[in-house]
Amino acid sequence: MVPRATFETTDDRLTFLINIPVHPGCDNKLLQLDAQGQVSVPEGVQKSTQKGTQKSTQKILELIAENPKVTTQEMADSLGIIRRAVAKHIKKLQEQGVIRRVGPDKGGHWEVIERP
């Protein structure tokens, strides 16, 4: 029989704790608990995530350089990620002063101000 998740709440029911058992044979190295009981991500996983972010950001800059009128949906399709993730990358690039949007959402275009 598979162990079931358990739910615990405080008496006032303002907070709760969910215990989800993991199959004994599961070797989950991605998530670990620190001394305070908080989930921590190993450094190697963090580095691979940072590399993925850098690659996505670089690809977005390349797509804009190739076609300044590229849409976020076209970028997402090219990168294989969701449009919302592209929007987050674009927001960071705009905050860093790397790119800017000229004109409206429809009919405008992107400009690369400086390469990181």
Protein backbone atom coordinates (compact mmCIF):
# COMPACT_ATOMS: atom_id res chain seq x y z
CA MET A 1 0.00 0.00 0.00
CA VAL A 2 1.26 3.48 -0.90
CA PRO A 3 1.57 5.86 2.07
CA ARG A 4 -0.80 8.80 1.85
CA ALA A 5 -0.16 12.47 2.38
CA THR A 6 -1.12 13.84 5.79
CA PHE A 7 -2.39 17.31 6.59
CA GLU A 8 -1.92 19.01 9.96
CA THR A 9 -3.28 22.39 11.00
CA THR A 10 -2.86 24.62 14.01
CA ASP A 11 -5.82 24.96 16.35
CA ASP A 12 -6.72 28.34 14.83
CA ARG A 13 -6.43 26.79 11.34
CA LEU A 14 -4.32 29.69 10.08
CA THR A 15 -1.32 27.54 9.16
CA PHE A 16 -0.94 24.00 7.96
CA LEU A 17 1.71 21.41 7.23
CA ILE A 18 1.50 18.83 4.49
CA ASN A 19 3.61 15.68 4.73
CA ILE A 20 3.99 13.96 1.39
CA PRO A 21 5.78 10.64 1.63
CA VAL A 22 8.31 9.77 -1.03
CA HIS A 23 8.74 6.26 -2.36
CA PRO A 24 11.58 4.58 -0.40
CA GLY A 25 13.50 3.87 -3.62
CA CYS A 26 13.36 7.52 -4.71
CA ASP A 27 16.76 9.19 -4.63
CA ASN A 28 15.70 12.83 -4.69
CA LYS A 29 18.94 14.81 -4.67
CA LEU A 30 17.37 18.03 -5.91
CA LEU A 31 15.53 19.00 -2.73
CA GLN A 32 17.13 18.93 0.69
CA LEU A 33 16.15 20.38 4.03
CA ASP A 34 18.51 22.76 5.80
CA ALA A 35 18.98 23.05 9.58
CA GLN A 36 15.85 25.21 9.90
CA GLY A 37 13.74 22.67 7.99
CA GLN A 38 13.59 24.86 4.88
CA VAL A 39 14.00 23.39 1.41
CA SER A 40 17.41 24.16 -0.08
CA VAL A 41 18.66 23.55 -3.59
CA PRO A 42 22.18 22.14 -4.00
CA GLU A 43 24.77 24.47 -5.54
CA GLY A 44 25.18 22.36 -8.70
CA VAL A 45 21.47 22.67 -9.45
CA GLN A 46 21.60 26.43 -8.84
CA LYS A 47 24.51 26.76 -11.27
CA SER A 48 22.71 24.81 -14.00
CA THR A 49 19.66 27.03 -13.52
CA GLN A 50 21.84 30.14 -13.82
CA LYS A 51 23.41 28.77 -17.01
CA GLY A 52 19.95 28.09 -18.43
CA THR A 53 18.89 31.65 -17.63
CA GLN A 54 22.03 33.06 -19.27
CA LYS A 55 21.43 30.95 -22.38
CA SER A 56 17.80 32.08 -22.59
CA THR A 57 18.79 35.71 -22.14
CA GLN A 58 21.48 35.42 -24.81
CA LYS A 59 19.05 33.75 -27.21
CA ILE A 60 16.48 36.52 -26.63
CA LEU A 61 19.12 39.14 -27.51
CA GLU A 62 20.02 37.19 -30.66
CA LEU A 63 16.35 36.93 -31.69
CA ILE A 64 15.89 40.68 -31.19
CA ALA A 65 19.05 41.42 -33.21
CA GLU A 66 17.76 39.20 -36.05
CA ASN A 67 14.23 40.62 -35.98
CA PRO A 68 13.49 43.70 -33.83
CA LYS A 69 9.74 43.14 -34.33
CA VAL A 70 9.86 39.62 -32.88
CA THR A 71 7.00 38.91 -30.46
CA THR A 72 7.32 37.37 -27.04
CA GLN A 73 5.31 34.38 -28.29
CA GLU A 74 7.76 33.87 -31.16
CA MET A 75 10.64 34.07 -28.67
CA ALA A 76 8.93 31.53 -26.42
CA ASP A 77 8.37 29.16 -29.33
CA SER A 78 12.01 29.48 -30.38
CA LEU A 79 13.31 28.93 -26.84
CA GLY A 80 10.88 26.16 -25.95
CA ILE A 81 9.62 27.99 -22.84
CA ILE A 82 6.34 29.68 -21.96
CA ARG A 83 5.64 33.28 -22.93
CA ARG A 84 5.51 34.36 -19.27
CA ALA A 85 9.10 33.16 -18.77
CA VAL A 86 10.18 35.23 -21.78
CA ALA A 87 8.39 38.25 -20.29
CA LYS A 88 10.37 37.82 -17.05
CA HIS A 89 13.67 37.67 -18.95
CA ILE A 90 12.70 40.76 -20.95
CA LYS A 91 11.73 42.65 -17.80
CA LYS A 92 15.16 41.94 -16.28
CA LEU A 93 16.91 43.01 -19.50
CA GLN A 94 14.92 46.25 -19.53
CA GLU A 95 15.70 46.92 -15.84
CA GLN A 96 19.40 46.36 -16.57
CA GLY A 97 19.24 48.83 -19.46
CA VAL A 98 20.17 46.20 -22.05
CA ILE A 99 17.03 46.47 -24.22
CA ARG A 100 14.08 48.79 -24.61
CA ARG A 101 10.72 48.68 -26.31
CA VAL A 102 10.04 51.43 -28.85
CA GLY A 103 6.41 52.01 -29.74
CA PRO A 104 3.30 50.09 -28.76
CA ASP A 105 3.01 46.36 -28.08
CA LYS A 106 1.55 45.92 -31.55
CA GLY A 107 3.56 47.67 -34.21
CA GLY A 108 6.55 48.57 -32.04
CA HIS A 109 9.99 47.02 -31.98
CA TRP A 110 12.84 46.09 -29.65
CA GLU A 111 16.21 47.83 -29.49
CA VAL A 112 19.37 46.39 -27.97
CA ILE A 113 20.97 49.29 -26.08
CA GLU A 114 24.09 47.48 -24.91
CA ARG A 115 25.30 43.91 -24.84
CA PRO A 116 25.89 42.46 -21.36
